[in-house]
Amino acid sequence: MQALVKIMEAEKLFPIFDIPVAMRNRRLEVTIRPADEEKQTAATTIDKIRKFREKHTHEAFVEHLKKKLAEGVKFDFDAQKIIDGTETEEDIQERYKIMKGAWAEAAVEKFKRNE
């Protein structure tokens, strides 16, 4: 995003802005940027989230698990329960803990590679 930042005397801004008393007779930092870019960025982010959700549905996850199980991949959780739709809330919580631990391990490995 493009922005213009300038330090100005508050008195020069009186004709344009209602400057609070505490900020008068001081130097102020003024930032000017296009207003529509923020909306565009937000819209882009929302669009990215929507596309991610469309691509990574529960059905896509189940298909991925089926494929990996057929390839002989072993999981630390009961993938068959997810495929069958019999996974309990307790199973989901346990799977989340396992995945959370894996994310932390992956972050540590990435950090060590970048040292």
PDB file of N, CA and C in Angstrom:
ATOM      1  N   MET A   1       0.841  -1.170   0.000  1.00  0.00           N
ATOM      2  CA  MET A   1       0.000   0.000   0.000  1.00  0.00           C
ATOM      3  C   MET A   1       0.887   1.234   0.000  1.00  0.00           C
ATOM      4  N   GLN A   2       0.504   2.192  -0.785  1.00  0.00           N
ATOM      5  CA  GLN A   2       1.252   3.426  -0.891  1.00  0.00           C
ATOM      6  C   GLN A   2       0.712   4.423   0.128  1.00  0.00           C
ATOM      7  N   ALA A   3       1.600   5.157   0.816  1.00  0.00           N
ATOM      8  CA  ALA A   3       1.188   6.154   1.802  1.00  0.00           C
ATOM      9  C   ALA A   3       2.186   7.296   1.802  1.00  0.00           C
ATOM     10  N   LEU A   4       1.686   8.459   2.172  1.00  0.00           N
ATOM     11  CA  LEU A   4       2.510   9.655   2.292  1.00  0.00           C
ATOM     12  C   LEU A   4       2.512  10.032   3.764  1.00  0.00           C
ATOM     13  N   VAL A   5       3.696  10.177   4.358  1.00  0.00           N
ATOM     14  CA  VAL A   5       3.826  10.544   5.763  1.00  0.00           C
ATOM     15  C   VAL A   5       4.620  11.838   5.835  1.00  0.00           C
ATOM     16  N   LYS A   6       4.070  12.802   6.581  1.00  0.00           N
ATOM     17  CA  LYS A   6       4.740  14.097   6.685  1.00  0.00           C
ATOM     18  C   LYS A   6       4.552  14.651   8.090  1.00  0.00           C
ATOM     19  N   ILE A   7       5.599  15.311   8.605  1.00  0.00           N
ATOM     20  CA  ILE A   7       5.528  16.014   9.883  1.00  0.00           C
ATOM     21  C   ILE A   7       5.156  17.464   9.581  1.00  0.00           C
ATOM     22  N   MET A   8       4.103  17.956  10.262  1.00  0.00           N
ATOM     23  CA  MET A   8       3.607  19.307   9.994  1.00  0.00           C
ATOM     24  C   MET A   8       3.287  20.025  11.297  1.00  0.00           C
ATOM     25  N   GLU A   9       3.258  21.344  11.222  1.00  0.00           N
ATOM     26  CA  GLU A   9       2.804  22.162  12.346  1.00  0.00           C
ATOM     27  C   GLU A   9       1.281  22.060  12.412  1.00  0.00           C
ATOM     28  N   ALA A  10       0.740  21.882  13.597  1.00  0.00           N
ATOM     29  CA  ALA A  10      -0.699  21.706  13.772  1.00  0.00           C
ATOM     30  C   ALA A  10      -1.489  22.880  13.207  1.00  0.00           C
ATOM     31  N   GLU A  11      -0.955  24.099  13.312  1.00  0.00           N
ATOM     32  CA  GLU A  11      -1.670  25.290  12.838  1.00  0.00           C
ATOM     33  C   GLU A  11      -2.007  25.196  11.347  1.00  0.00           C
ATOM     34  N   LYS A  12      -1.155  24.547  10.571  1.00  0.00           N
ATOM     35  CA  LYS A  12      -1.397  24.424   9.133  1.00  0.00           C
ATOM     36  C   LYS A  12      -2.583  23.507   8.834  1.00  0.00           C
ATOM     37  N   LEU A  13      -2.940  22.677   9.815  1.00  0.00           N
ATOM     38  CA  LEU A  13      -4.038  21.733   9.611  1.00  0.00           C
ATOM     39  C   LEU A  13      -5.390  22.271  10.084  1.00  0.00           C
ATOM     40  N   PHE A  14      -5.410  23.404  10.810  1.00  0.00           N
ATOM     41  CA  PHE A  14      -6.654  23.974  11.327  1.00  0.00           C
ATOM     42  C   PHE A  14      -7.722  24.169  10.254  1.00  0.00           C
ATOM     43  N   PRO A  15      -7.363  24.659   9.053  1.00  0.00           N
ATOM     44  CA  PRO A  15      -8.415  24.869   8.047  1.00  0.00           C
ATOM     45  C   PRO A  15      -9.062  23.557   7.565  1.00  0.00           C
ATOM     46  N   ILE A  16      -8.383  22.456   7.752  1.00  0.00           N
ATOM     47  CA  ILE A  16      -8.876  21.180   7.231  1.00  0.00           C
ATOM     48  C   ILE A  16      -9.471  20.299   8.331  1.00  0.00           C
ATOM     49  N   PHE A  17      -8.807  20.278   9.507  1.00  0.00           N
ATOM     50  CA  PHE A  17      -9.206  19.396  10.601  1.00  0.00           C
ATOM     51  C   PHE A  17      -9.529  20.186  11.853  1.00  0.00           C
ATOM     52  N   ASP A  18     -10.421  19.610  12.663  1.00  0.00           N
ATOM     53  CA  ASP A  18     -10.693  20.153  13.989  1.00  0.00           C
ATOM     54  C   ASP A  18      -9.678  19.478  14.925  1.00  0.00           C
ATOM     55  N   ILE A  19      -8.592  20.174  15.201  1.00  0.00           N
ATOM     56  CA  ILE A  19      -7.489  19.608  15.987  1.00  0.00           C
ATOM     57  C   ILE A  19      -7.828  19.679  17.476  1.00  0.00           C
ATOM     58  N   PRO A  20      -7.720  18.576  18.229  1.00  0.00           N
ATOM     59  CA  PRO A  20      -7.959  18.604  19.674  1.00  0.00           C
ATOM     60  C   PRO A  20      -6.975  19.564  20.359  1.00  0.00           C
ATOM     61  N   VAL A  21      -7.419  20.167  21.458  1.00  0.00           N
ATOM     62  CA  VAL A  21      -6.616  21.165  22.173  1.00  0.00           C
ATOM     63  C   VAL A  21      -5.249  20.597  22.561  1.00  0.00           C
ATOM     64  N   ALA A  22      -5.210  19.367  23.013  1.00  0.00           N
ATOM     65  CA  ALA A  22      -3.948  18.762  23.460  1.00  0.00           C
ATOM     66  C   ALA A  22      -2.934  18.618  22.325  1.00  0.00           C
ATOM     67  N   MET A  23      -3.407  18.662  21.093  1.00  0.00           N
ATOM     68  CA  MET A  23      -2.511  18.472  19.955  1.00  0.00           C
ATOM     69  C   MET A  23      -2.160  19.794  19.259  1.00  0.00           C
ATOM     70  N   ARG A  24      -2.751  20.892  19.710  1.00  0.00           N
ATOM     71  CA  ARG A  24      -2.477  22.193  19.078  1.00  0.00           C
ATOM     72  C   ARG A  24      -1.105  22.690  19.490  1.00  0.00           C
ATOM     73  N   ASN A  25      -0.541  23.571  18.678  1.00  0.00           N
ATOM     74  CA  ASN A  25       0.778  24.163  18.932  1.00  0.00           C
ATOM     75  C   ASN A  25       1.866  23.094  19.048  1.00  0.00           C
ATOM     76  N   ARG A  26       1.729  22.067  18.255  1.00  0.00           N
ATOM     77  CA  ARG A  26       2.726  20.988  18.241  1.00  0.00           C
ATOM     78  C   ARG A  26       2.974  20.570  16.808  1.00  0.00           C
ATOM     79  N   ARG A  27       4.015  19.787  16.650  1.00  0.00           N
ATOM     80  CA  ARG A  27       4.271  19.173  15.346  1.00  0.00           C
ATOM     81  C   ARG A  27       3.524  17.841  15.346  1.00  0.00           C
ATOM     82  N   LEU A  28       2.853  17.548  14.252  1.00  0.00           N
ATOM     83  CA  LEU A  28       2.056  16.334  14.139  1.00  0.00           C
ATOM     84  C   LEU A  28       2.515  15.508  12.942  1.00  0.00           C
ATOM     85  N   GLU A  29       2.377  14.226  13.071  1.00  0.00           N
ATOM     86  CA  GLU A  29       2.657  13.343  11.953  1.00  0.00           C
ATOM     87  C   GLU A  29       1.350  13.078  11.223  1.00  0.00           C
ATOM     88  N   VAL A  30       1.342  13.342   9.939  1.00  0.00           N
ATOM     89  CA  VAL A  30       0.154  13.162   9.126  1.00  0.00           C
ATOM     90  C   VAL A  30       0.433  12.046   8.127  1.00  0.00           C
ATOM     91  N   THR A  31      -0.489  11.102   8.057  1.00  0.00           N
ATOM     92  CA  THR A  31      -0.370   9.996   7.110  1.00  0.00           C
ATOM     93  C   THR A  31      -1.545  10.062   6.141  1.00  0.00           C
ATOM     94  N   ILE A  32      -1.237  10.018   4.867  1.00  0.00           N
ATOM     95  CA  ILE A  32      -2.264  10.047   3.830  1.00  0.00           C
ATOM     96  C   ILE A  32      -2.098   8.799   2.986  1.00  0.00           C
ATOM     97  N   ARG A  33      -3.213   8.081   2.810  1.00  0.00           N
ATOM     98  CA  ARG A  33      -3.185   6.888   1.982  1.00  0.00           C
ATOM     99  C   ARG A  33      -4.548   6.732   1.315  1.00  0.00           C
ATOM    100  N   PRO A  34      -4.605   6.072   0.201  1.00  0.00           N
ATOM    101  CA  PRO A  34      -5.887   5.876  -0.483  1.00  0.00           C
ATOM    102  C   PRO A  34      -6.848   5.059   0.382  1.00  0.00           C
ATOM    103  N   ALA A  35      -8.062   5.544   0.535  1.00  0.00           N
ATOM    104  CA  ALA A  35      -9.055   4.868   1.377  1.00  0.00           C
ATOM    105  C   ALA A  35      -9.553   3.576   0.746  1.00  0.00           C
ATOM    106  N   ASP A  36      -9.625   3.528  -0.569  1.00  0.00           N
ATOM    107  CA  ASP A  36     -10.175   2.346  -1.223  1.00  0.00           C
ATOM    108  C   ASP A  36      -9.246   1.150  -1.174  1.00  0.00           C
ATOM    109  N   GLU A  37      -7.939   1.357  -0.945  1.00  0.00           N
ATOM    110  CA  GLU A  37      -7.006   0.225  -0.882  1.00  0.00           C
ATOM    111  C   GLU A  37      -7.295  -0.666   0.313  1.00  0.00           C
ATOM    112  N   GLU A  38      -7.672  -0.062   1.446  1.00  0.00           N
ATOM    113  CA  GLU A  38      -7.974  -0.857   2.633  1.00  0.00           C
ATOM    114  C   GLU A  38      -9.173  -1.751   2.358  1.00  0.00           C
ATOM    115  N   LYS A  39     -10.196  -1.196   1.718  1.00  0.00           N
ATOM    116  CA  LYS A  39     -11.372  -1.986   1.378  1.00  0.00           C
ATOM    117  C   LYS A  39     -11.001  -3.085   0.402  1.00  0.00           C
ATOM    118  N   GLN A  40     -10.152  -2.761  -0.548  1.00  0.00           N
ATOM    119  CA  GLN A  40      -9.727  -3.743  -1.536  1.00  0.00           C
ATOM    120  C   GLN A  40      -8.938  -4.858  -0.861  1.00  0.00           C
ATOM    121  N   THR A  41      -8.054  -4.502   0.080  1.00  0.00           N
ATOM    122  CA  THR A  41      -7.271  -5.501   0.815  1.00  0.00           C
ATOM    123  C   THR A  41      -8.194  -6.390   1.629  1.00  0.00           C
ATOM    124  N   ALA A  42      -9.168  -5.782   2.308  1.00  0.00           N
ATOM    125  CA  ALA A  42     -10.112  -6.571   3.097  1.00  0.00           C
ATOM    126  C   ALA A  42     -10.911  -7.502   2.199  1.00  0.00           C
ATOM    127  N   ALA A  43     -11.345  -7.005   1.060  1.00  0.00           N
ATOM    128  CA  ALA A  43     -12.100  -7.835   0.130  1.00  0.00           C
ATOM    129  C   ALA A  43     -11.236  -8.973  -0.395  1.00  0.00           C
ATOM    130  N   THR A  44      -9.976  -8.688  -0.664  1.00  0.00           N
ATOM    131  CA  THR A  44      -9.055  -9.717  -1.133  1.00  0.00           C
ATOM    132  C   THR A  44      -8.881 -10.787  -0.062  1.00  0.00           C
ATOM    133  N   THR A  45      -8.735 -10.374   1.193  1.00  0.00           N
ATOM    134  CA  THR A  45      -8.567 -11.319   2.292  1.00  0.00           C
ATOM    135  C   THR A  45      -9.810 -12.179   2.444  1.00  0.00           C
ATOM    136  N   ILE A  46     -10.974 -11.564   2.389  1.00  0.00           N
ATOM    137  CA  ILE A  46     -12.225 -12.312   2.494  1.00  0.00           C
ATOM    138  C   ILE A  46     -12.343 -13.300   1.344  1.00  0.00           C
ATOM    139  N   ASP A  47     -11.961 -12.874   0.158  1.00  0.00           N
ATOM    140  CA  ASP A  47     -12.016 -13.751  -1.010  1.00  0.00           C
ATOM    141  C   ASP A  47     -11.059 -14.931  -0.839  1.00  0.00           C
ATOM    142  N   LYS A  48      -9.867 -14.663  -0.294  1.00  0.00           N
ATOM    143  CA  LYS A  48      -8.905 -15.749  -0.068  1.00  0.00           C
ATOM    144  C   LYS A  48      -9.446 -16.758   0.938  1.00  0.00           C
ATOM    145  N   ILE A  49     -10.077 -16.257   1.989  1.00  0.00           N
ATOM    146  CA  ILE A  49     -10.661 -17.148   3.005  1.00  0.00           C
ATOM    147  C   ILE A  49     -11.770 -17.988   2.385  1.00  0.00           C
ATOM    148  N   ARG A  50     -12.636 -17.352   1.573  1.00  0.00           N
ATOM    149  CA  ARG A  50     -13.729 -18.069   0.926  1.00  0.00           C
ATOM    150  C   ARG A  50     -13.187 -19.172   0.017  1.00  0.00           C
ATOM    151  N   LYS A  51     -12.170 -18.844  -0.776  1.00  0.00           N
ATOM    152  CA  LYS A  51     -11.585 -19.840  -1.675  1.00  0.00           C
ATOM    153  C   LYS A  51     -10.944 -20.981  -0.889  1.00  0.00           C
ATOM    154  N   PHE A  52     -10.276 -20.644   0.223  1.00  0.00           N
ATOM    155  CA  PHE A  52      -9.656 -21.679   1.058  1.00  0.00           C
ATOM    156  C   PHE A  52     -10.729 -22.623   1.585  1.00  0.00           C
ATOM    157  N   ARG A  53     -11.832 -22.041   2.082  1.00  0.00           N
ATOM    158  CA  ARG A  53     -12.915 -22.873   2.629  1.00  0.00           C
ATOM    159  C   ARG A  53     -13.555 -23.746   1.563  1.00  0.00           C
ATOM    160  N   GLU A  54     -13.681 -23.197   0.354  1.00  0.00           N
ATOM    161  CA  GLU A  54     -14.252 -23.984  -0.738  1.00  0.00           C
ATOM    162  C   GLU A  54     -13.354 -25.162  -1.095  1.00  0.00           C
ATOM    163  N   LYS A  55     -12.046 -24.934  -1.049  1.00  0.00           N
ATOM    164  CA  LYS A  55     -11.089 -25.976  -1.424  1.00  0.00           C
ATOM    165  C   LYS A  55     -10.912 -27.004  -0.315  1.00  0.00           C
ATOM    166  N   HIS A  56     -10.885 -26.554   0.933  1.00  0.00           N
ATOM    167  CA  HIS A  56     -10.563 -27.431   2.062  1.00  0.00           C
ATOM    168  C   HIS A  56     -11.813 -27.756   2.872  1.00  0.00           C
ATOM    169  N   THR A  57     -12.725 -28.457   2.244  1.00  0.00           N
ATOM    170  CA  THR A  57     -13.953 -28.864   2.918  1.00  0.00           C
ATOM    171  C   THR A  57     -13.721 -30.161   3.688  1.00  0.00           C
ATOM    172  N   HIS A  58     -14.695 -30.507   4.499  1.00  0.00           N
ATOM    173  CA  HIS A  58     -14.610 -31.774   5.230  1.00  0.00           C
ATOM    174  C   HIS A  58     -14.579 -32.941   4.243  1.00  0.00           C
ATOM    175  N   GLU A  59     -15.360 -32.817   3.173  1.00  0.00           N
ATOM    176  CA  GLU A  59     -15.397 -33.879   2.163  1.00  0.00           C
ATOM    177  C   GLU A  59     -14.022 -34.057   1.508  1.00  0.00           C
ATOM    178  N   ALA A  60     -13.346 -32.936   1.239  1.00  0.00           N
ATOM    179  CA  ALA A  60     -12.002 -33.015   0.649  1.00  0.00           C
ATOM    180  C   ALA A  60     -11.031 -33.658   1.636  1.00  0.00           C
ATOM    181  N   PHE A  61     -11.192 -33.357   2.926  1.00  0.00           N
ATOM    182  CA  PHE A  61     -10.348 -33.947   3.964  1.00  0.00           C
ATOM    183  C   PHE A  61     -10.557 -35.459   4.009  1.00  0.00           C
ATOM    184  N   VAL A  62     -11.822 -35.885   3.945  1.00  0.00           N
ATOM    185  CA  VAL A  62     -12.134 -37.317   3.971  1.00  0.00           C
ATOM    186  C   VAL A  62     -11.520 -38.014   2.760  1.00  0.00           C
ATOM    187  N   GLU A  63     -11.648 -37.412   1.577  1.00  0.00           N
ATOM    188  CA  GLU A  63     -11.066 -38.000   0.371  1.00  0.00           C
ATOM    189  C   GLU A  63      -9.546 -38.104   0.488  1.00  0.00           C
ATOM    190  N   HIS A  64      -8.932 -37.073   1.067  1.00  0.00           N
ATOM    191  CA  HIS A  64      -7.480 -37.085   1.271  1.00  0.00           C
ATOM    192  C   HIS A  64      -7.086 -38.237   2.207  1.00  0.00           C
ATOM    193  N   LEU A  65      -7.832 -38.392   3.292  1.00  0.00           N
ATOM    194  CA  LEU A  65      -7.541 -39.484   4.225  1.00  0.00           C
ATOM    195  C   LEU A  65      -7.681 -40.844   3.552  1.00  0.00           C
ATOM    196  N   LYS A  66      -8.734 -41.020   2.756  1.00  0.00           N
ATOM    197  CA  LYS A  66      -8.933 -42.291   2.047  1.00  0.00           C
ATOM    198  C   LYS A  66      -7.742 -42.595   1.144  1.00  0.00           C
ATOM    199  N   LYS A  67      -7.306 -41.591   0.416  1.00  0.00           N
ATOM    200  CA  LYS A  67      -6.181 -41.763  -0.503  1.00  0.00           C
ATOM    201  C   LYS A  67      -4.912 -42.154   0.257  1.00  0.00           C
ATOM    202  N   LYS A  68      -4.650 -41.441   1.347  1.00  0.00           N
ATOM    203  CA  LYS A  68      -3.426 -41.709   2.120  1.00  0.00           C
ATOM    204  C   LYS A  68      -3.481 -43.086   2.784  1.00  0.00           C
ATOM    205  N   LEU A  69      -4.649 -43.466   3.285  1.00  0.00           N
ATOM    206  CA  LEU A  69      -4.780 -44.802   3.881  1.00  0.00           C
ATOM    207  C   LEU A  69      -4.544 -45.883   2.824  1.00  0.00           C
ATOM    208  N   ALA A  70      -5.058 -45.662   1.618  1.00  0.00           N
ATOM    209  CA  ALA A  70      -4.853 -46.622   0.526  1.00  0.00           C
ATOM    210  C   ALA A  70      -3.376 -46.729   0.152  1.00  0.00           C
ATOM    211  N   GLU A  71      -2.629 -45.630   0.341  1.00  0.00           N
ATOM    212  CA  GLU A  71      -1.189 -45.622   0.066  1.00  0.00           C
ATOM    213  C   GLU A  71      -0.387 -46.244   1.211  1.00  0.00           C
ATOM    214  N   GLY A  72      -1.073 -46.575   2.320  1.00  0.00           N
ATOM    215  CA  GLY A  72      -0.403 -47.198   3.453  1.00  0.00           C
ATOM    216  C   GLY A  72       0.129 -46.233   4.501  1.00  0.00           C
ATOM    217  N   VAL A  73      -0.279 -44.981   4.434  1.00  0.00           N
ATOM    218  CA  VAL A  73       0.163 -43.988   5.416  1.00  0.00           C
ATOM    219  C   VAL A  73      -0.504 -44.287   6.752  1.00  0.00           C
ATOM    220  N   LYS A  74       0.266 -44.191   7.836  1.00  0.00           N
ATOM    221  CA  LYS A  74      -0.244 -44.402   9.190  1.00  0.00           C
ATOM    222  C   LYS A  74      -0.414 -43.047   9.865  1.00  0.00           C
ATOM    223  N   PHE A  75      -1.517 -42.882  10.572  1.00  0.00           N
ATOM    224  CA  PHE A  75      -1.798 -41.642  11.288  1.00  0.00           C
ATOM    225  C   PHE A  75      -1.746 -41.873  12.787  1.00  0.00           C
ATOM    226  N   ASP A  76      -1.530 -40.781  13.551  1.00  0.00           N
ATOM    227  CA  ASP A  76      -1.522 -40.863  15.014  1.00  0.00           C
ATOM    228  C   ASP A  76      -2.942 -40.810  15.583  1.00  0.00           C
ATOM    229  N   PHE A  77      -3.924 -40.726  14.716  1.00  0.00           N
ATOM    230  CA  PHE A  77      -5.332 -40.697  15.127  1.00  0.00           C
ATOM    231  C   PHE A  77      -6.091 -41.703  14.269  1.00  0.00           C
ATOM    232  N   ASP A  78      -7.312 -41.990  14.663  1.00  0.00           N
ATOM    233  CA  ASP A  78      -8.112 -42.984  13.943  1.00  0.00           C
ATOM    234  C   ASP A  78      -8.778 -42.325  12.734  1.00  0.00           C
ATOM    235  N   ALA A  79      -8.111 -42.374  11.600  1.00  0.00           N
ATOM    236  CA  ALA A  79      -8.613 -41.752  10.375  1.00  0.00           C
ATOM    237  C   ALA A  79      -9.904 -42.409   9.905  1.00  0.00           C
ATOM    238  N   GLN A  80     -10.067 -43.683  10.189  1.00  0.00           N
ATOM    239  CA  GLN A  80     -11.267 -44.394   9.733  1.00  0.00           C
ATOM    240  C   GLN A  80     -12.521 -43.822  10.387  1.00  0.00           C
ATOM    241  N   LYS A  81     -12.407 -43.364  11.628  1.00  0.00           N
ATOM    242  CA  LYS A  81     -13.567 -42.761  12.301  1.00  0.00           C
ATOM    243  C   LYS A  81     -14.000 -41.477  11.587  1.00  0.00           C
ATOM    244  N   ILE A  82     -13.042 -40.732  11.082  1.00  0.00           N
ATOM    245  CA  ILE A  82     -13.367 -39.512  10.345  1.00  0.00           C
ATOM    246  C   ILE A  82     -14.067 -39.879   9.046  1.00  0.00           C
ATOM    247  N   ILE A  83     -13.542 -40.878   8.368  1.00  0.00           N
ATOM    248  CA  ILE A  83     -14.124 -41.321   7.103  1.00  0.00           C
ATOM    249  C   ILE A  83     -15.544 -41.854   7.320  1.00  0.00           C
ATOM    250  N   ASP A  84     -15.728 -42.634   8.389  1.00  0.00           N
ATOM    251  CA  ASP A  84     -17.043 -43.230   8.676  1.00  0.00           C
ATOM    252  C   ASP A  84     -18.024 -42.231   9.285  1.00  0.00           C
ATOM    253  N   GLY A  85     -17.501 -41.101   9.771  1.00  0.00           N
ATOM    254  CA  GLY A  85     -18.370 -40.118  10.427  1.00  0.00           C
ATOM    255  C   GLY A  85     -18.712 -40.484  11.852  1.00  0.00           C
ATOM    256  N   THR A  86     -17.870 -41.315  12.480  1.00  0.00           N
ATOM    257  CA  THR A  86     -18.135 -41.759  13.853  1.00  0.00           C
ATOM    258  C   THR A  86     -17.191 -41.126  14.868  1.00  0.00           C
ATOM    259  N   GLU A  87     -16.435 -40.141  14.443  1.00  0.00           N
ATOM    260  CA  GLU A  87     -15.495 -39.473  15.345  1.00  0.00           C
ATOM    261  C   GLU A  87     -16.271 -38.705  16.410  1.00  0.00           C
ATOM    262  N   THR A  88     -15.930 -38.939  17.676  1.00  0.00           N
ATOM    263  CA  THR A  88     -16.610 -38.258  18.781  1.00  0.00           C
ATOM    264  C   THR A  88     -15.924 -36.920  19.071  1.00  0.00           C
ATOM    265  N   GLU A  89     -16.549 -36.118  19.887  1.00  0.00           N
ATOM    266  CA  GLU A  89     -15.954 -34.836  20.285  1.00  0.00           C
ATOM    267  C   GLU A  89     -14.625 -35.072  21.002  1.00  0.00           C
ATOM    268  N   GLU A  90     -14.563 -36.114  21.798  1.00  0.00           N
ATOM    269  CA  GLU A  90     -13.311 -36.460  22.486  1.00  0.00           C
ATOM    270  C   GLU A  90     -12.222 -36.820  21.477  1.00  0.00           C
ATOM    271  N   ASP A  91     -12.594 -37.570  20.439  1.00  0.00           N
ATOM    272  CA  ASP A  91     -11.638 -37.922  19.373  1.00  0.00           C
ATOM    273  C   ASP A  91     -11.132 -36.667  18.664  1.00  0.00           C
ATOM    274  N   ILE A  92     -12.053 -35.745  18.396  1.00  0.00           N
ATOM    275  CA  ILE A  92     -11.683 -34.496  17.715  1.00  0.00           C
ATOM    276  C   ILE A  92     -10.698 -33.705  18.552  1.00  0.00           C
ATOM    277  N   GLN A  93     -10.953 -33.616  19.849  1.00  0.00           N
ATOM    278  CA  GLN A  93     -10.060 -32.881  20.745  1.00  0.00           C
ATOM    279  C   GLN A  93      -8.677 -33.534  20.807  1.00  0.00           C
ATOM    280  N   GLU A  94      -8.658 -34.845  20.844  1.00  0.00           N
ATOM    281  CA  GLU A  94      -7.380 -35.567  20.879  1.00  0.00           C
ATOM    282  C   GLU A  94      -6.608 -35.357  19.583  1.00  0.00           C
ATOM    283  N   ARG A  95      -7.321 -35.421  18.447  1.00  0.00           N
ATOM    284  CA  ARG A  95      -6.680 -35.183  17.148  1.00  0.00           C
ATOM    285  C   ARG A  95      -6.131 -33.768  17.078  1.00  0.00           C
ATOM    286  N   TYR A  96      -6.882 -32.796  17.606  1.00  0.00           N
ATOM    287  CA  TYR A  96      -6.418 -31.411  17.614  1.00  0.00           C
ATOM    288  C   TYR A  96      -5.128 -31.277  18.424  1.00  0.00           C
ATOM    289  N   LYS A  97      -5.059 -31.923  19.579  1.00  0.00           N
ATOM    290  CA  LYS A  97      -3.843 -31.879  20.406  1.00  0.00           C
ATOM    291  C   LYS A  97      -2.650 -32.471  19.654  1.00  0.00           C
ATOM    292  N   ILE A  98      -2.876 -33.565  18.965  1.00  0.00           N
ATOM    293  CA  ILE A  98      -1.805 -34.197  18.183  1.00  0.00           C
ATOM    294  C   ILE A  98      -1.335 -33.251  17.082  1.00  0.00           C
ATOM    295  N   MET A  99      -2.290 -32.656  16.358  1.00  0.00           N
ATOM    296  CA  MET A  99      -1.949 -31.747  15.268  1.00  0.00           C
ATOM    297  C   MET A  99      -1.241 -30.499  15.794  1.00  0.00           C
ATOM    298  N   LYS A 100      -1.705 -29.983  16.909  1.00  0.00           N
ATOM    299  CA  LYS A 100      -1.087 -28.798  17.512  1.00  0.00           C
ATOM    300  C   LYS A 100       0.371 -29.088  17.862  1.00  0.00           C
ATOM    301  N   GLY A 101       0.624 -30.266  18.398  1.00  0.00           N
ATOM    302  CA  GLY A 101       2.001 -30.668  18.711  1.00  0.00           C
ATOM    303  C   GLY A 101       2.845 -30.780  17.455  1.00  0.00           C
ATOM    304  N   ALA A 102       2.244 -31.290  16.383  1.00  0.00           N
ATOM    305  CA  ALA A 102       2.969 -31.421  15.119  1.00  0.00           C
ATOM    306  C   ALA A 102       3.316 -30.057  14.547  1.00  0.00           C
ATOM    307  N   TRP A 103       2.405 -29.090  14.688  1.00  0.00           N
ATOM    308  CA  TRP A 103       2.677 -27.736  14.191  1.00  0.00           C
ATOM    309  C   TRP A 103       3.857 -27.129  14.947  1.00  0.00           C
ATOM    310  N   ALA A 104       3.882 -27.341  16.256  1.00  0.00           N
ATOM    311  CA  ALA A 104       4.981 -26.806  17.068  1.00  0.00           C
ATOM    312  C   ALA A 104       6.306 -27.447  16.658  1.00  0.00           C
ATOM    313  N   GLU A 105       6.299 -28.753  16.445  1.00  0.00           N
ATOM    314  CA  GLU A 105       7.519 -29.451  16.014  1.00  0.00           C
ATOM    315  C   GLU A 105       7.987 -28.931  14.658  1.00  0.00           C
ATOM    316  N   ALA A 106       7.053 -28.715  13.753  1.00  0.00           N
ATOM    317  CA  ALA A 106       7.400 -28.210  12.416  1.00  0.00           C
ATOM    318  C   ALA A 106       8.008 -26.809  12.517  1.00  0.00           C
ATOM    319  N   ALA A 107       7.477 -25.986  13.418  1.00  0.00           N
ATOM    320  CA  ALA A 107       8.010 -24.633  13.599  1.00  0.00           C
ATOM    321  C   ALA A 107       9.428 -24.682  14.143  1.00  0.00           C
ATOM    322  N   VAL A 108       9.684 -25.582  15.090  1.00  0.00           N
ATOM    323  CA  VAL A 108      11.030 -25.728  15.657  1.00  0.00           C
ATOM    324  C   VAL A 108      11.997 -26.195  14.582  1.00  0.00           C
ATOM    325  N   GLU A 109      11.588 -27.165  13.772  1.00  0.00           N
ATOM    326  CA  GLU A 109      12.450 -27.665  12.691  1.00  0.00           C
ATOM    327  C   GLU A 109      12.768 -26.556  11.691  1.00  0.00           C
ATOM    328  N   LYS A 110      11.756 -25.775  11.335  1.00  0.00           N
ATOM    329  CA  LYS A 110      11.968 -24.673  10.390  1.00  0.00           C
ATOM    330  C   LYS A 110      12.929 -23.643  10.980  1.00  0.00           C
ATOM    331  N   PHE A 111      12.773 -23.352  12.266  1.00  0.00           N
ATOM    332  CA  PHE A 111      13.657 -22.394  12.937  1.00  0.00           C
ATOM    333  C   PHE A 111      15.102 -22.901  12.926  1.00  0.00           C
ATOM    334  N   LYS A 112      15.286 -24.182  13.214  1.00  0.00           N
ATOM    335  CA  LYS A 112      16.632 -24.760  13.237  1.00  0.00           C
ATOM    336  C   LYS A 112      17.273 -24.719  11.856  1.00  0.00           C
ATOM    337  N   ARG A 113      16.484 -24.939  10.811  1.00  0.00           N
ATOM    338  CA  ARG A 113      17.020 -24.884   9.432  1.00  0.00           C
ATOM    339  C   ARG A 113      17.451 -23.465   9.063  1.00  0.00           C
ATOM    340  N   ASN A 114      16.793 -22.482   9.619  1.00  0.00           N
ATOM    341  CA  ASN A 114      17.084 -21.077   9.273  1.00  0.00           C
ATOM    342  C   ASN A 114      18.138 -20.437  10.166  1.00  0.00           C
ATOM    343  N   GLU A 115      18.678 -21.170  11.125  1.00  0.00           N
ATOM    344  CA  GLU A 115      19.714 -20.613  12.022  1.00  0.00           C
ATOM    345  C   GLU A 115      21.009 -20.388  11.286  1.00  0.00           C
TER     346      GLU A 115
END
